[in-house]
């Protein structure tokens, strides 16, 4: 084990660190709600892509 720490000490410490990490990530996710507007953002980006494609298709038609 790292720095000569026995398994009896290392395993509970690693478990506590992992649980703490998961709890902190969940708390941040619930507080900031990063995915609450994901569907709206996807919709806006799709509309942008469709407009760009239409513009390119229109330019291709006129250039022929």
Protein backbone atom coordinates (compact mmCIF):
# COMPACT_ATOMS: atom_id res chain seq x y z
CA UNK A 1 0.00 0.00 0.00
CA UNK A 2 1.07 3.62 -0.44
CA UNK A 3 3.53 4.83 2.18
CA UNK A 4 3.33 1.54 4.05
CA UNK A 5 -0.27 2.04 5.25
CA UNK A 6 -1.93 -1.28 6.15
CA UNK A 7 -5.06 -2.50 4.40
CA UNK A 8 -7.07 -2.12 7.60
CA UNK A 9 -6.52 1.65 7.51
CA UNK A 10 -6.45 2.15 3.73
CA UNK A 11 -9.77 0.50 2.79
CA UNK A 12 -12.00 2.50 5.20
CA UNK A 13 -10.22 5.73 4.25
CA UNK A 14 -10.62 5.05 0.53
CA UNK A 15 -14.28 4.12 1.04
CA UNK A 16 -14.97 7.30 3.01
CA UNK A 17 -13.22 9.38 0.35
CA UNK A 18 -15.28 7.78 -2.42
CA UNK A 19 -18.59 8.24 -0.58
CA UNK A 20 -17.68 11.85 0.14
CA UNK A 21 -16.86 12.44 -3.53
CA UNK A 22 -20.16 10.96 -4.69
CA UNK A 23 -22.17 12.93 -2.10
CA UNK A 24 -20.43 16.17 -3.07
CA UNK A 25 -21.04 15.60 -6.76
CA UNK A 26 -24.72 14.90 -6.11
CA UNK A 27 -25.05 17.99 -3.91
CA UNK A 28 -23.49 20.21 -6.60
CA UNK A 29 -25.71 18.63 -9.25
CA UNK A 30 -28.86 19.27 -7.21
CA UNK A 31 -27.84 22.82 -6.34
CA UNK A 32 -26.75 24.06 -9.78
CA UNK A 33 -28.99 21.78 -11.90
CA UNK A 34 -26.67 21.83 -14.93
CA UNK A 35 -28.94 19.78 -17.20
CA UNK A 36 -32.24 21.55 -16.56
CA UNK A 37 -32.16 23.43 -19.89
CA UNK A 38 -30.42 20.80 -21.99
CA UNK A 39 -33.42 20.15 -24.26
CA UNK A 40 -33.76 23.86 -25.04
CA UNK A 41 -30.06 24.15 -25.86
CA UNK A 42 -30.23 21.12 -28.16
CA UNK A 43 -33.26 22.58 -29.93
CA UNK A 44 -31.51 25.91 -30.54
CA UNK A 45 -28.38 24.20 -31.89
CA UNK A 46 -30.41 21.97 -34.20
CA UNK A 47 -32.19 25.02 -35.60
CA UNK A 48 -28.81 26.69 -36.21
CA UNK A 49 -27.52 23.62 -38.04
CA UNK A 50 -30.65 23.38 -40.18
CA UNK A 51 -30.36 27.07 -41.15
CA UNK A 52 -26.69 26.60 -42.07
CA UNK A 53 -27.51 23.55 -44.19
CA UNK A 54 -30.32 25.38 -45.96
CA UNK A 55 -27.99 28.29 -46.62
CA UNK A 56 -25.32 25.96 -48.03
CA UNK A 57 -27.87 24.17 -50.21
CA UNK A 58 -29.14 27.50 -51.52
CA UNK A 59 -25.60 28.62 -52.31
CA UNK A 60 -24.89 25.33 -54.09
CA UNK A 61 -28.00 25.69 -56.25
CA UNK A 62 -27.08 29.20 -57.35
CA UNK A 63 -23.44 28.35 -58.01
CA UNK A 64 -24.27 25.57 -60.49
